[in-house]
Amino acid sequence: MDSTTIEDEEVFAALRAGRVTSIPYRGIGLLEHPLLNKDTAFSEQEREEFELTGLLLDRVTTVQEQVALELEHIRRKSDDLEKYIGLLALQDRNEILYYRLLEENLEEFLPLVYTPVVGEACRQFSHIVRRPRGLWITPKDEDRIPDLLRNARHQDVRLMVVTDNERILGLGDQGAGGMGIPIGKLAIYSAGAGIYPALTLPVSLDVGTDNEGLLRDPLYLGYRQPRLRGEAYERFLEAFVEGVIEVFPHALLQWEDFKQHNAIRVLDRYRHRLASFNDDIQGTGAVALAGILTALRELEGCLRSQRFVFVGAGAAGTGISRMLRAAMRRDGMTQEEIGLAIVMVDEDGLLFEGRSPLHEDQVSFALDAEQLQHFGFPGAARHDLEGVIARVQPSFLLGVSATQGAFTEAAVREMAAHVERPVIFPLSNPTSKAEATPTDVLRWTQGRALVATGSPFDPVELDARTYVTGQANNAFVFPGVGLGAVVAEAHEVTDEMFLAAADALSAMVSQERVAQGALYPPISALRRVSRELAMRVIEVARDEGLGRIIRDEDLGDAVDDAMWLPYYVPYKAC
């Protein structure tokens, strides 16, 4: 029986609910179905009933024993990329066990299925892929995109993560290899927010690549053409969106790793036509804002009295600044106050009006002549980070530049000279792209800084004290926002939903964590965090008239009912 039949959707509905489930498969066909396979955990009765006797080793194991064995398998590997490949192999064979392993070991395995290890997996994708997942759509398919969408393994898709592969983490254009990001993010959705895997679909818009290394690689598996640009790209994207609306009208779409200017334009163009958001812009903005709010709680300060310097003015920097401005407006700050509170620097220096180059989406963050004069910047000269910090005297320094070492010792010391407790966020990932390490920042500030990073770092020992660095990981935001939007059946995802998510995430950071130096919860709390954020998103969707009417007292039950737990349920034959 084909894996995309209506019967399968009925099977998955029963499995999601944890009910005894009627299974239409037998023998090898059942063992080769990753969402139904239990491997050696099939009971004696199931083995007889489903013609599995003789196809499995004699002993019936528990899922706990299977998890222990998989931990042994993965931990035996010394290379992180090999561990990543091993986890993908498990996902291809037994998805329930895969998600159970992730759920119970998020601290250990999130860095493998997502950042930082997924970055190397994207670079090597054509050389490590065993079984393709999701959908790959190229410009050759522009006139038949709905047909390709109907080829998806599952047809009740409620959540899609879509990339055009051009800005993968801080690594740039990775061609078809960028598919590692949608696959990894959907794994986090299922393990960290309980969204059932059969409701999800990763999509690569493989529109070519300008990465010469990939084009020269004889084993590269992607669309071997220069990257699609201009009107042809816009037409292809429009055809894709129209196809999604036709085939999966109830799906939430997450735009992922589009290059800065495309990312902002695509988000603004389509966010009102179909339920969609861009995690690099809005998710990054919300997770950074949550860390800012937590730091302010420790500093006993307010937004109105802070100044922020950003290093990096791409999609992430723009997204954080947008979210920060929204929070400032909510707190009653005037446009004049907001204009002086945020200063941005990119690879071409300080952003100011009249600078060349200055992209359209950067204009609103460029300082005007009066603001330049306010800070004492002489003319239109290029200014290095140390000079910007000396004039602006920020209390917050945020890095989204994908430039290792961008936070120099001189710049950090200059900041620490003006602020008692500088707040410093080197957010770029993977680890090799971080603007500074927590060790250096704490050493240069004599332990006074509050630090959060985009990639995981080990605790720092300094002057007989241990500092724990919280990770500003988008995984704290996008799973809960996505879960809330799916449960609410929201037909639009708004910035107010992300503001509510940031508030909720900050409120979940215990004072004990903050005392250790961490501005975020531990990754192990992800499912609890996702549940709380989902409830807040559903509230906003309801109050804005964008989703189902769910009473406050029913929010918890509505979210709990939607959060799948990766447990085996008993099977019976049809």
Protein backbone atom coordinates (compact mmCIF):
# COMPACT_ATOMS: atom_id res chain seq x y z
CA MET A 1 0.00 0.00 0.00
CA ASP A 2 1.33 3.43 -0.94
CA SER A 3 2.59 5.55 1.96
CA THR A 4 0.48 8.58 1.05
CA THR A 5 -2.98 6.98 1.22
CA ILE A 6 -5.93 8.35 3.19
CA GLU A 7 -5.64 5.25 5.39
CA ASP A 8 -2.21 6.42 6.47
CA GLU A 9 -3.59 9.78 7.60
CA GLU A 10 -6.17 7.93 9.72
CA VAL A 11 -3.36 5.79 11.17
CA PHE A 12 -1.33 8.89 12.05
CA ALA A 13 -4.33 10.54 13.71
CA ALA A 14 -4.68 7.51 16.01
CA LEU A 15 -0.93 7.42 16.71
CA ARG A 16 -0.86 11.15 17.55
CA ALA A 17 -3.62 10.55 20.08
CA GLY A 18 -1.79 7.59 21.62
CA ARG A 19 -4.62 5.14 20.85
CA VAL A 20 -4.42 1.49 19.90
CA THR A 21 -3.94 1.75 16.14
CA SER A 22 -5.06 -0.41 13.22
CA ILE A 23 -2.09 -0.89 10.86
CA PRO A 24 -2.52 -1.84 7.18
CA TYR A 25 1.08 -3.03 6.70
CA ARG A 26 2.78 -6.43 7.15
CA GLY A 27 6.28 -7.84 7.29
CA ILE A 28 9.08 -5.96 5.60
CA GLY A 29 6.67 -3.20 4.52
CA LEU A 30 5.98 -2.42 8.17
CA LEU A 31 9.66 -2.53 9.16
CA GLU A 32 10.51 -0.14 6.34
CA HIS A 33 7.90 2.46 7.37
CA PRO A 34 9.88 4.85 9.64
CA LEU A 35 6.84 6.32 11.42
CA LEU A 36 5.41 2.87 12.23
CA ASN A 37 8.53 0.76 12.76
CA LYS A 38 9.29 -0.28 16.36
CA ASP A 39 12.32 -2.46 15.53
CA THR A 40 12.84 -5.01 18.32
CA ALA A 41 10.12 -3.42 20.47
CA PHE A 42 7.33 -5.20 18.56
CA SER A 43 5.58 -7.49 21.06
CA GLU A 44 5.32 -11.26 20.55
CA GLN A 45 1.66 -10.85 19.63
CA GLU A 46 2.45 -8.07 17.11
CA ARG A 47 5.20 -10.18 15.55
CA GLU A 48 2.75 -12.99 14.89
CA GLU A 49 -0.10 -10.76 13.81
CA PHE A 50 1.98 -8.67 11.40
CA GLU A 51 4.15 -11.48 9.95
CA LEU A 52 7.33 -10.25 11.61
CA THR A 53 8.38 -13.52 13.23
CA GLY A 54 11.82 -14.45 11.96
CA LEU A 55 12.50 -10.93 10.69
CA LEU A 56 13.62 -9.66 14.11
CA LEU A 57 16.03 -10.87 16.76
CA ASP A 58 14.38 -13.05 19.38
CA ARG A 59 14.28 -10.70 22.33
CA VAL A 60 11.54 -8.08 22.74
CA THR A 61 13.08 -4.85 24.04
CA THR A 62 11.59 -1.78 25.70
CA VAL A 63 11.93 1.69 24.25
CA GLN A 64 14.14 2.61 27.21
CA GLU A 65 16.52 -0.20 26.26
CA GLN A 66 16.48 0.95 22.66
CA VAL A 67 17.35 4.51 23.71
CA ALA A 68 20.25 3.17 25.78
CA LEU A 69 21.54 1.22 22.77
CA GLU A 70 21.25 4.22 20.45
CA LEU A 71 23.12 6.38 22.96
CA GLU A 72 25.85 3.76 22.95
CA HIS A 73 25.94 3.74 19.14
CA ILE A 74 26.17 7.54 18.81
CA ARG A 75 28.58 8.12 21.68
CA ARG A 76 30.95 5.53 20.26
CA LYS A 77 31.60 7.85 17.32
CA SER A 78 34.36 10.41 17.90
CA ASP A 79 33.48 12.68 14.97
CA ASP A 80 30.47 15.01 15.29
CA LEU A 81 29.59 14.75 11.59
CA GLU A 82 29.53 10.95 11.90
CA LYS A 83 27.21 11.33 14.89
CA TYR A 84 24.96 13.54 12.73
CA ILE A 85 24.92 10.87 10.01
CA GLY A 86 24.12 8.20 12.60
CA LEU A 87 21.16 10.21 13.90
CA LEU A 88 19.83 10.70 10.36
CA ALA A 89 20.09 6.95 9.78
CA LEU A 90 17.99 6.37 12.89
CA GLN A 91 15.43 8.95 11.71
CA ASP A 92 15.18 7.13 8.38
CA ARG A 93 14.59 3.79 10.13
CA ASN A 94 12.54 4.49 13.28
CA GLU A 95 11.21 8.01 13.79
CA ILE A 96 9.52 7.33 17.11
CA LEU A 97 12.80 6.15 18.61
CA TYR A 98 14.67 9.05 16.98
CA TYR A 99 12.41 11.66 18.55
CA ARG A 100 12.38 9.86 21.89
CA LEU A 101 16.18 9.97 21.87
CA LEU A 102 16.18 13.69 21.06
CA GLU A 103 13.48 14.58 23.56
CA GLU A 104 15.29 12.87 26.44
CA ASN A 105 18.75 14.19 25.45
CA LEU A 106 18.18 17.67 24.03
CA GLU A 107 21.26 19.18 25.66
CA GLU A 108 23.48 16.59 23.99
CA PHE A 109 21.88 16.23 20.58
CA LEU A 110 20.45 19.66 19.70
CA PRO A 111 23.96 20.88 18.74
CA LEU A 112 24.20 17.85 16.43
CA VAL A 113 20.86 18.05 14.58
CA TYR A 114 21.07 21.83 14.50
CA THR A 115 23.76 24.43 15.08
CA PRO A 116 26.71 24.14 15.10
CA VAL A 117 27.18 20.67 13.56
CA VAL A 118 24.45 21.08 10.94
CA GLY A 119 26.60 23.78 9.33
CA GLU A 120 29.27 21.24 8.40
CA ALA A 121 26.54 18.80 7.37
CA CYS A 122 25.21 21.40 4.91
CA ARG A 123 28.67 21.94 3.48
CA GLN A 124 29.15 18.20 2.97
CA PHE A 125 25.54 17.39 2.16
CA SER A 126 26.01 15.82 -1.29
CA HIS A 127 28.67 13.53 0.18
CA ILE A 128 26.77 12.38 3.27
CA VAL A 129 23.11 12.19 2.20
CA ARG A 130 21.73 8.64 2.29
CA ARG A 131 17.99 9.06 1.80
CA PRO A 132 16.56 12.40 0.62
CA ARG A 133 13.84 13.85 2.83
CA GLY A 134 11.14 16.38 1.97
CA LEU A 135 10.75 18.07 -1.41
CA TRP A 136 13.31 19.53 -3.81
CA ILE A 137 11.88 22.05 -6.29
CA THR A 138 13.99 23.54 -9.09
CA PRO A 139 13.28 26.18 -11.77
CA LYS A 140 12.58 23.29 -14.18
CA ASP A 141 9.49 22.55 -12.08
CA GLU A 142 7.98 26.05 -12.10
CA ASP A 143 4.93 25.05 -14.16
CA ARG A 144 4.10 21.95 -12.09
CA ILE A 145 4.78 22.88 -8.48
CA PRO A 146 1.34 21.74 -7.22
CA ASP A 147 2.04 18.28 -8.67
CA LEU A 148 5.36 18.12 -6.82
CA LEU A 149 3.71 19.18 -3.59
CA ARG A 150 1.20 16.35 -4.01
CA ASN A 151 4.17 13.97 -4.29
CA ALA A 152 5.05 14.68 -0.65
CA ARG A 153 5.11 11.63 1.58
CA HIS A 154 2.27 12.99 3.73
CA GLN A 155 -0.71 15.04 2.58
CA ASP A 156 -2.05 16.57 5.80
CA VAL A 157 0.83 19.04 6.01
CA ARG A 158 0.37 21.75 8.64
CA LEU A 159 3.94 23.04 8.93
CA MET A 160 6.57 23.67 6.24
CA VAL A 161 10.12 24.95 6.60
CA VAL A 162 11.34 26.33 3.28
CA THR A 163 14.79 27.57 2.24
CA ASP A 164 16.39 28.80 -0.96
CA ASN A 165 19.77 27.88 0.56
CA GLU A 166 21.50 31.22 0.02
CA ARG A 167 22.39 32.23 3.57
CA ILE A 168 22.96 29.06 5.57
CA LEU A 169 23.90 30.10 9.12
CA GLY A 170 27.03 32.23 8.70
CA LEU A 171 28.30 30.05 5.85
CA GLY A 172 26.53 31.66 2.91
CA ASP A 173 25.36 29.90 -0.24
CA GLN A 174 25.37 26.12 0.26
CA GLY A 175 23.23 25.18 -2.73
CA ALA A 176 21.15 22.05 -2.24
CA GLY A 177 23.05 21.35 0.98
CA GLY A 178 21.00 24.01 2.74
CA MET A 179 18.25 21.39 3.12
CA GLY A 180 19.98 20.32 6.33
CA ILE A 181 18.48 23.38 8.01
CA PRO A 182 14.77 22.69 7.32
CA ILE A 183 15.30 19.03 8.25
CA GLY A 184 16.99 20.02 11.51
CA LYS A 185 14.44 22.68 12.42
CA LEU A 186 11.53 20.32 11.86
CA ALA A 187 13.25 17.77 14.07
CA ILE A 188 13.31 20.44 16.80
CA TYR A 189 9.61 21.19 16.18
CA SER A 190 8.77 17.53 16.80
CA ALA A 191 11.15 16.83 19.68
CA GLY A 192 10.88 20.25 21.35
CA ALA A 193 7.24 21.18 20.69
CA GLY A 194 5.56 17.86 19.98
CA ILE A 195 4.41 18.57 16.42
CA TYR A 196 3.74 15.20 14.85
CA PRO A 197 6.32 14.46 12.11
CA ALA A 198 3.69 13.46 9.52
CA LEU A 199 2.30 17.01 9.71
CA THR A 200 5.62 18.55 8.64
CA LEU A 201 7.43 19.03 5.34
CA PRO A 202 10.97 20.36 4.64
CA VAL A 203 11.32 22.06 1.26
CA SER A 204 14.39 23.15 -0.69
CA LEU A 205 13.83 25.73 -3.40
CA ASP A 206 16.95 24.61 -5.27
CA VAL A 207 17.36 27.59 -7.58
CA GLY A 208 21.03 26.97 -8.31
CA THR A 209 24.16 28.19 -6.55
CA ASP A 210 26.93 30.72 -6.99
CA ASN A 211 29.22 28.63 -4.77
CA GLU A 212 32.03 27.77 -7.18
CA GLY A 213 33.27 24.94 -4.99
CA LEU A 214 29.91 23.20 -5.33
CA LEU A 215 29.67 23.83 -9.07
CA ARG A 216 33.12 22.30 -9.54
CA ASP A 217 32.34 19.28 -7.35
CA PRO A 218 31.59 16.33 -9.69
CA LEU A 219 29.50 14.71 -6.94
CA TYR A 220 27.33 17.74 -6.20
CA LEU A 221 23.70 16.59 -6.31
CA GLY A 222 21.87 19.90 -6.62
CA TYR A 223 20.66 21.99 -9.56
CA ARG A 224 23.96 22.75 -11.27
CA GLN A 225 23.26 26.26 -12.56
CA PRO A 226 24.10 29.80 -11.42
CA ARG A 227 21.63 31.02 -8.82
CA LEU A 228 18.33 32.29 -10.20
CA ARG A 229 17.98 36.07 -9.87
CA GLY A 230 15.71 38.96 -10.73
CA GLU A 231 12.31 38.53 -12.36
CA ALA A 232 12.85 34.81 -12.96
CA TYR A 233 13.43 34.27 -9.22
CA GLU A 234 10.38 36.34 -8.26
CA ARG A 235 8.19 34.44 -10.75
CA PHE A 236 9.41 31.09 -9.41
CA LEU A 237 8.74 32.13 -5.82
CA GLU A 238 5.25 33.33 -6.70
CA ALA A 239 4.52 29.99 -8.39
CA PHE A 240 5.66 28.19 -5.25
CA VAL A 241 3.44 30.27 -2.95
CA GLU A 242 0.45 29.76 -5.22
CA GLY A 243 1.14 26.03 -5.18
CA VAL A 244 1.26 25.93 -1.39
CA ILE A 245 -2.02 27.82 -1.11
CA GLU A 246 -3.63 25.37 -3.53
CA VAL A 247 -2.29 22.08 -2.11
CA PHE A 248 -1.71 22.82 1.59
CA PRO A 249 -4.10 25.69 2.41
CA HIS A 250 -3.94 25.04 6.17
CA ALA A 251 -0.13 24.93 6.39
CA LEU A 252 2.04 27.36 8.33
CA LEU A 253 5.15 28.26 6.33
CA GLN A 254 8.49 29.18 7.87
CA TRP A 255 10.91 30.99 5.54
CA GLU A 256 14.44 29.95 6.40
CA ASP A 257 17.94 31.17 5.49
CA PHE A 258 17.05 33.47 2.62
CA LYS A 259 19.69 36.16 2.06
CA GLN A 260 19.07 39.45 3.87
CA HIS A 261 17.34 41.55 1.23
CA ASN A 262 15.37 38.66 -0.22
CA ALA A 263 14.41 37.54 3.29
CA ILE A 264 12.89 40.87 4.28
CA ARG A 265 11.17 41.42 0.94
CA VAL A 266 9.73 37.89 0.83
CA LEU A 267 8.45 38.13 4.40
CA ASP A 268 6.77 41.48 3.84
CA ARG A 269 5.26 40.38 0.52
CA TYR A 270 3.70 37.10 1.63
CA ARG A 271 3.02 37.32 5.36
CA HIS A 272 -0.51 38.60 4.77
CA ARG A 273 -1.30 36.11 1.98
CA LEU A 274 -0.54 32.94 3.88
CA ALA A 275 0.35 32.17 7.48
CA SER A 276 4.13 32.55 7.44
CA PHE A 277 7.11 33.99 9.25
CA ASN A 278 10.87 34.23 8.89
CA ASP A 279 12.78 32.74 11.77
CA ASP A 280 16.02 34.55 10.88
CA ILE A 281 14.18 37.88 11.22
CA GLN A 282 11.33 37.43 13.71
CA GLY A 283 12.55 34.37 15.62
CA THR A 284 16.02 35.84 16.08
CA GLY A 285 14.43 39.15 17.06
CA ALA A 286 12.27 37.53 19.71
CA VAL A 287 14.98 35.35 21.22
CA ALA A 288 17.39 38.28 21.42
CA LEU A 289 14.69 40.52 22.94
CA ALA A 290 14.02 37.86 25.57
CA GLY A 291 17.70 37.92 26.57
CA ILE A 292 17.65 41.72 26.67
CA LEU A 293 14.59 41.70 28.94
CA THR A 294 16.21 39.15 31.24
CA ALA A 295 19.38 41.24 31.43
CA LEU A 296 17.33 44.33 32.27
CA ARG A 297 15.72 42.39 35.10
CA GLU A 298 19.18 41.69 36.51
CA LEU A 299 20.32 45.27 35.96
CA GLU A 300 17.07 46.62 37.43
CA GLY A 301 16.87 48.89 34.39
CA CYS A 302 14.40 49.72 31.63
CA LEU A 303 14.62 49.99 27.85
CA ARG A 304 14.33 53.76 27.90
CA SER A 305 17.74 54.17 29.56
CA GLN A 306 19.69 51.78 27.29
CA ARG A 307 21.75 52.21 24.16
CA PHE A 308 22.39 49.37 21.71
CA VAL A 309 25.18 48.90 19.20
CA PHE A 310 24.72 46.19 16.57
CA VAL A 311 27.61 44.70 14.64
CA GLY A 312 25.95 43.30 11.53
CA ALA A 313 23.01 44.80 9.67
CA GLY A 314 21.72 41.79 7.75
CA ALA A 315 18.50 39.86 8.25
CA ALA A 316 19.31 38.95 11.85
CA GLY A 317 20.42 42.45 12.85
CA THR A 318 17.41 43.98 11.13
CA GLY A 319 15.09 41.46 12.75
CA ILE A 320 16.38 42.10 16.26
CA SER A 321 16.25 45.87 15.74
CA ARG A 322 12.69 45.68 14.45
CA MET A 323 11.60 43.64 17.46
CA LEU A 324 13.48 45.92 19.83
CA ARG A 325 11.82 48.99 18.33
CA ALA A 326 8.41 47.36 18.76
CA ALA A 327 9.17 46.72 22.44
CA MET A 328 10.35 50.31 22.86
CA ARG A 329 7.16 51.68 21.33
CA ARG A 330 5.15 49.43 23.63
CA ASP A 331 7.04 50.93 26.57
CA GLY A 332 6.10 54.44 25.48
CA MET A 333 9.38 55.62 23.97
CA THR A 334 9.18 58.34 21.33
CA GLN A 335 10.53 58.00 17.80
CA GLU A 336 13.30 60.45 18.71
CA GLU A 337 14.32 58.33 21.70
CA ILE A 338 14.21 55.13 19.66
CA GLY A 339 16.32 56.71 16.90
CA LEU A 340 19.11 57.47 19.38
CA ALA A 341 18.88 54.11 21.16
CA ILE A 342 19.96 51.85 18.29
CA VAL A 343 23.19 52.28 16.31
CA MET A 344 24.24 49.79 13.65
CA VAL A 345 27.60 48.92 12.12
CA ASP A 346 28.24 46.54 9.22
CA GLU A 347 31.24 45.54 7.11
CA ASP A 348 31.19 49.03 5.55
CA GLY A 349 31.14 50.80 8.89
CA LEU A 350 28.55 52.94 10.65
CA LEU A 351 25.09 53.12 9.06
CA PHE A 352 24.20 56.75 8.34
CA GLU A 353 22.09 58.58 5.77
CA GLY A 354 23.86 59.13 2.48
CA ARG A 355 26.39 56.35 3.02
CA SER A 356 27.19 54.18 0.03
CA PRO A 357 26.35 51.36 -0.01
CA LEU A 358 23.14 51.58 2.00
CA HIS A 359 20.44 49.06 1.18
CA GLU A 360 16.75 49.87 1.23
CA ASP A 361 16.04 47.76 4.31
CA GLN A 362 18.87 49.52 6.19
CA VAL A 363 17.69 53.07 5.57
CA SER A 364 15.38 53.23 8.60
CA PHE A 365 18.32 52.31 10.87
CA ALA A 366 20.78 54.84 9.42
CA LEU A 367 21.66 57.83 11.60
CA ASP A 368 20.65 61.21 10.20
CA ALA A 369 22.80 64.34 10.38
CA GLU A 370 21.30 65.46 13.69
CA GLN A 371 21.88 62.06 15.28
CA LEU A 372 25.46 61.95 14.01
CA GLN A 373 26.02 65.35 15.58
CA HIS A 374 24.41 64.17 18.83
CA PHE A 375 27.01 61.42 19.17
CA GLY A 376 29.87 63.58 17.93
CA PHE A 377 30.66 61.58 14.80
CA PRO A 378 32.86 63.76 12.55
CA GLY A 379 31.34 64.02 9.09
CA ALA A 380 30.72 60.93 7.03
CA ALA A 381 33.98 59.17 7.83
CA ARG A 382 34.14 55.41 8.30
CA HIS A 383 34.22 54.51 12.01
CA ASP A 384 35.60 51.35 13.57
CA LEU A 385 33.77 49.54 16.36
CA GLU A 386 35.98 50.91 19.13
CA GLY A 387 35.32 54.47 17.95
CA VAL A 388 31.57 53.88 17.71
CA ILE A 389 31.48 52.46 21.23
CA ALA A 390 33.51 55.39 22.58
CA ARG A 391 30.95 57.88 21.23
CA VAL A 392 27.69 55.98 21.74
CA GLN A 393 28.66 54.41 25.10
CA PRO A 394 26.23 51.50 24.71
CA SER A 395 25.01 49.28 27.51
CA PHE A 396 24.30 46.45 25.02
CA LEU A 397 26.56 45.15 22.25
CA LEU A 398 25.05 42.58 19.87
CA GLY A 399 26.93 40.73 17.16
CA VAL A 400 25.19 39.24 14.12
CA SER A 401 28.02 39.74 11.63
CA ALA A 402 29.17 36.13 11.09
CA THR A 403 32.70 37.50 11.58
CA GLN A 404 34.91 35.69 14.04
CA GLY A 405 36.64 38.06 16.44
CA ALA A 406 34.61 41.14 15.44
CA PHE A 407 34.36 42.04 19.14
CA THR A 408 37.99 42.99 19.70
CA GLU A 409 39.58 43.29 23.11
CA ALA A 410 39.95 47.04 22.62
CA ALA A 411 36.26 47.44 21.76
CA VAL A 412 35.04 45.37 24.71
CA ARG A 413 37.36 47.14 27.14
CA GLU A 414 36.16 50.50 25.80
CA MET A 415 32.56 49.44 26.49
CA ALA A 416 33.43 48.20 29.99
CA ALA A 417 35.03 51.56 30.74
CA HIS A 418 31.65 53.30 30.39
CA VAL A 419 29.24 50.66 31.78
CA GLU A 420 29.37 48.82 35.10
CA ARG A 421 27.60 45.70 33.74
CA PRO A 422 28.03 45.58 29.96
CA VAL A 423 25.67 43.18 28.19
CA ILE A 424 27.42 41.48 25.28
CA PHE A 425 25.79 39.05 22.84
CA PRO A 426 28.08 37.45 20.23
CA LEU A 427 25.18 35.74 18.45
CA SER A 428 26.64 34.52 15.16
CA ASN A 429 26.79 30.82 14.52
CA PRO A 430 28.22 28.29 14.01
CA THR A 431 30.81 28.60 16.75
CA SER A 432 33.57 29.41 14.26
CA LYS A 433 31.71 32.62 13.33
CA ALA A 434 31.15 33.96 16.86
CA GLU A 435 32.24 37.59 17.35
CA ALA A 436 33.95 36.64 20.62
CA THR A 437 34.04 33.78 23.11
CA PRO A 438 32.49 34.05 26.58
CA THR A 439 35.94 33.40 28.07
CA ASP A 440 37.44 36.43 26.35
CA VAL A 441 34.48 38.73 27.09
CA LEU A 442 34.47 37.82 30.78
CA ARG A 443 38.23 38.13 31.03
CA TRP A 444 38.29 41.53 29.31
CA THR A 445 35.53 42.85 31.61
CA GLN A 446 36.85 41.27 34.84
CA GLY A 447 33.75 39.10 35.04
CA ARG A 448 31.33 42.06 34.97
CA ALA A 449 29.69 41.34 31.61
CA LEU A 450 26.42 39.55 31.08
CA VAL A 451 26.98 37.27 28.09
CA ALA A 452 24.74 35.25 25.79
CA THR A 453 25.85 33.46 22.62
CA GLY A 454 24.23 32.04 19.52
CA SER A 455 26.15 28.76 19.72
CA PRO A 456 26.69 26.58 22.80
CA PHE A 457 29.79 27.24 24.92
CA ASP A 458 31.09 25.48 28.00
CA PRO A 459 30.96 27.22 31.40
CA VAL A 460 33.81 29.63 32.11
CA GLU A 461 36.00 29.44 35.22
CA LEU A 462 37.32 32.86 36.21
CA ASP A 463 38.61 34.08 39.58
CA ALA A 464 37.22 31.08 41.46
CA ARG A 465 33.74 31.57 39.98
CA THR A 466 31.87 29.55 37.38
CA TYR A 467 29.92 31.49 34.74
CA VAL A 468 27.22 29.70 32.75
CA THR A 469 26.55 31.16 29.30
CA GLY A 470 22.95 31.02 28.15
CA GLN A 471 22.42 30.23 24.49
CA ALA A 472 20.25 32.66 22.53
CA ASN A 473 19.00 29.75 20.48
CA ASN A 474 16.07 30.34 18.14
CA ALA A 475 14.87 26.90 19.22
CA PHE A 476 13.50 28.64 22.31
CA VAL A 477 11.08 30.61 20.11
CA PHE A 478 10.15 29.15 16.73
CA PRO A 479 8.79 25.77 17.98
CA GLY A 480 6.44 27.43 20.46
CA VAL A 481 5.34 30.11 17.99
CA GLY A 482 4.75 27.49 15.31
CA LEU A 483 2.88 25.21 17.68
CA GLY A 484 0.69 28.08 18.86
CA ALA A 485 -0.06 29.21 15.31
CA VAL A 486 -0.97 25.65 14.24
CA VAL A 487 -3.24 25.07 17.26
CA ALA A 488 -4.85 28.50 16.83
CA GLU A 489 -5.27 27.86 13.09
CA ALA A 490 -3.94 31.39 12.71
CA HIS A 491 -4.21 32.81 9.22
CA GLU A 492 -1.45 35.33 9.92
CA VAL A 493 1.61 35.38 12.19
CA THR A 494 2.17 38.86 13.62
CA ASP A 495 5.03 40.64 15.34
CA GLU A 496 2.81 40.90 18.42
CA MET A 497 2.93 37.11 18.68
CA PHE A 498 6.72 37.24 18.74
CA LEU A 499 6.68 40.03 21.33
CA ALA A 500 4.46 37.85 23.52
CA ALA A 501 6.84 34.95 22.97
CA ALA A 502 9.83 37.08 24.02
CA ASP A 503 8.05 38.19 27.19
CA ALA A 504 7.10 34.62 28.06
CA LEU A 505 10.60 33.25 27.40
CA SER A 506 12.23 35.90 29.57
CA ALA A 507 9.77 35.20 32.39
CA MET A 508 10.79 31.54 32.35
CA VAL A 509 14.44 32.23 33.21
CA SER A 510 14.88 31.47 36.88
CA GLN A 511 16.75 33.83 39.17
CA GLU A 512 19.13 30.96 39.90
CA ARG A 513 20.08 30.80 36.22
CA VAL A 514 20.60 34.56 36.06
CA ALA A 515 22.80 34.42 39.17
CA GLN A 516 25.00 31.92 37.31
CA GLY A 517 25.28 34.36 34.40
CA ALA A 518 22.77 32.64 32.10
CA LEU A 519 20.07 34.78 30.47
CA TYR A 520 18.15 31.83 28.97
CA PRO A 521 16.68 28.59 30.32
CA PRO A 522 18.55 25.31 29.82
CA ILE A 523 17.86 23.55 26.52
CA SER A 524 16.44 20.64 28.52
CA ALA A 525 13.42 22.88 29.33
CA LEU A 526 12.50 23.28 25.66
CA ARG A 527 9.20 21.40 25.67
CA ARG A 528 8.02 23.31 28.74
CA VAL A 529 9.10 26.59 27.12
CA SER A 530 7.35 25.70 23.84
CA ARG A 531 4.12 24.92 25.68
CA GLU A 532 4.13 28.28 27.46
CA LEU A 533 4.97 30.25 24.31
CA ALA A 534 2.27 28.43 22.34
CA MET A 535 -0.38 29.47 24.85
CA ARG A 536 0.70 33.09 24.63
CA VAL A 537 0.63 32.98 20.80
CA ILE A 538 -2.87 31.48 20.82
CA GLU A 539 -4.02 34.30 23.12
CA VAL A 540 -2.68 36.95 20.74
CA ALA A 541 -4.17 35.22 17.68
CA ARG A 542 -7.54 35.08 19.42
CA ASP A 543 -7.44 38.66 20.64
CA GLU A 544 -6.34 39.97 17.21
CA GLY A 545 -9.12 38.05 15.48
CA LEU A 546 -6.62 35.93 13.57
CA GLY A 547 -7.33 32.50 15.04
CA ARG A 548 -9.75 30.22 16.85
CA ILE A 549 -11.59 31.38 19.94
CA ILE A 550 -10.09 29.39 22.81
CA ARG A 551 -10.91 30.43 26.36
CA ASP A 552 -8.05 31.19 28.75
CA GLU A 553 -8.96 28.23 30.95
CA ASP A 554 -8.79 25.89 27.93
CA LEU A 555 -5.44 27.04 26.53
CA GLY A 556 -3.34 24.47 28.38
CA ASP A 557 -5.54 21.56 27.32
CA ALA A 558 -5.60 22.75 23.69
CA VAL A 559 -1.81 22.84 23.55
CA ASP A 560 -1.35 19.58 25.44
CA ASP A 561 -3.72 17.80 23.07
CA ALA A 562 -1.58 18.94 20.13
CA MET A 563 1.81 17.97 21.64
CA TRP A 564 2.71 14.49 20.45
CA LEU A 565 4.82 12.29 22.72
CA PRO A 566 7.18 9.82 21.01
CA TYR A 567 5.93 6.60 22.62
CA TYR A 568 5.03 3.28 21.05
CA VAL A 569 1.33 2.41 21.07
CA PRO A 570 -0.12 -1.10 20.61
CA TYR A 571 -0.97 -2.13 17.04
CA LYS A 572 -3.79 -4.32 15.78
CA ALA A 573 -4.36 -5.70 12.31
CA CYS A 574 -6.96 -4.12 10.04
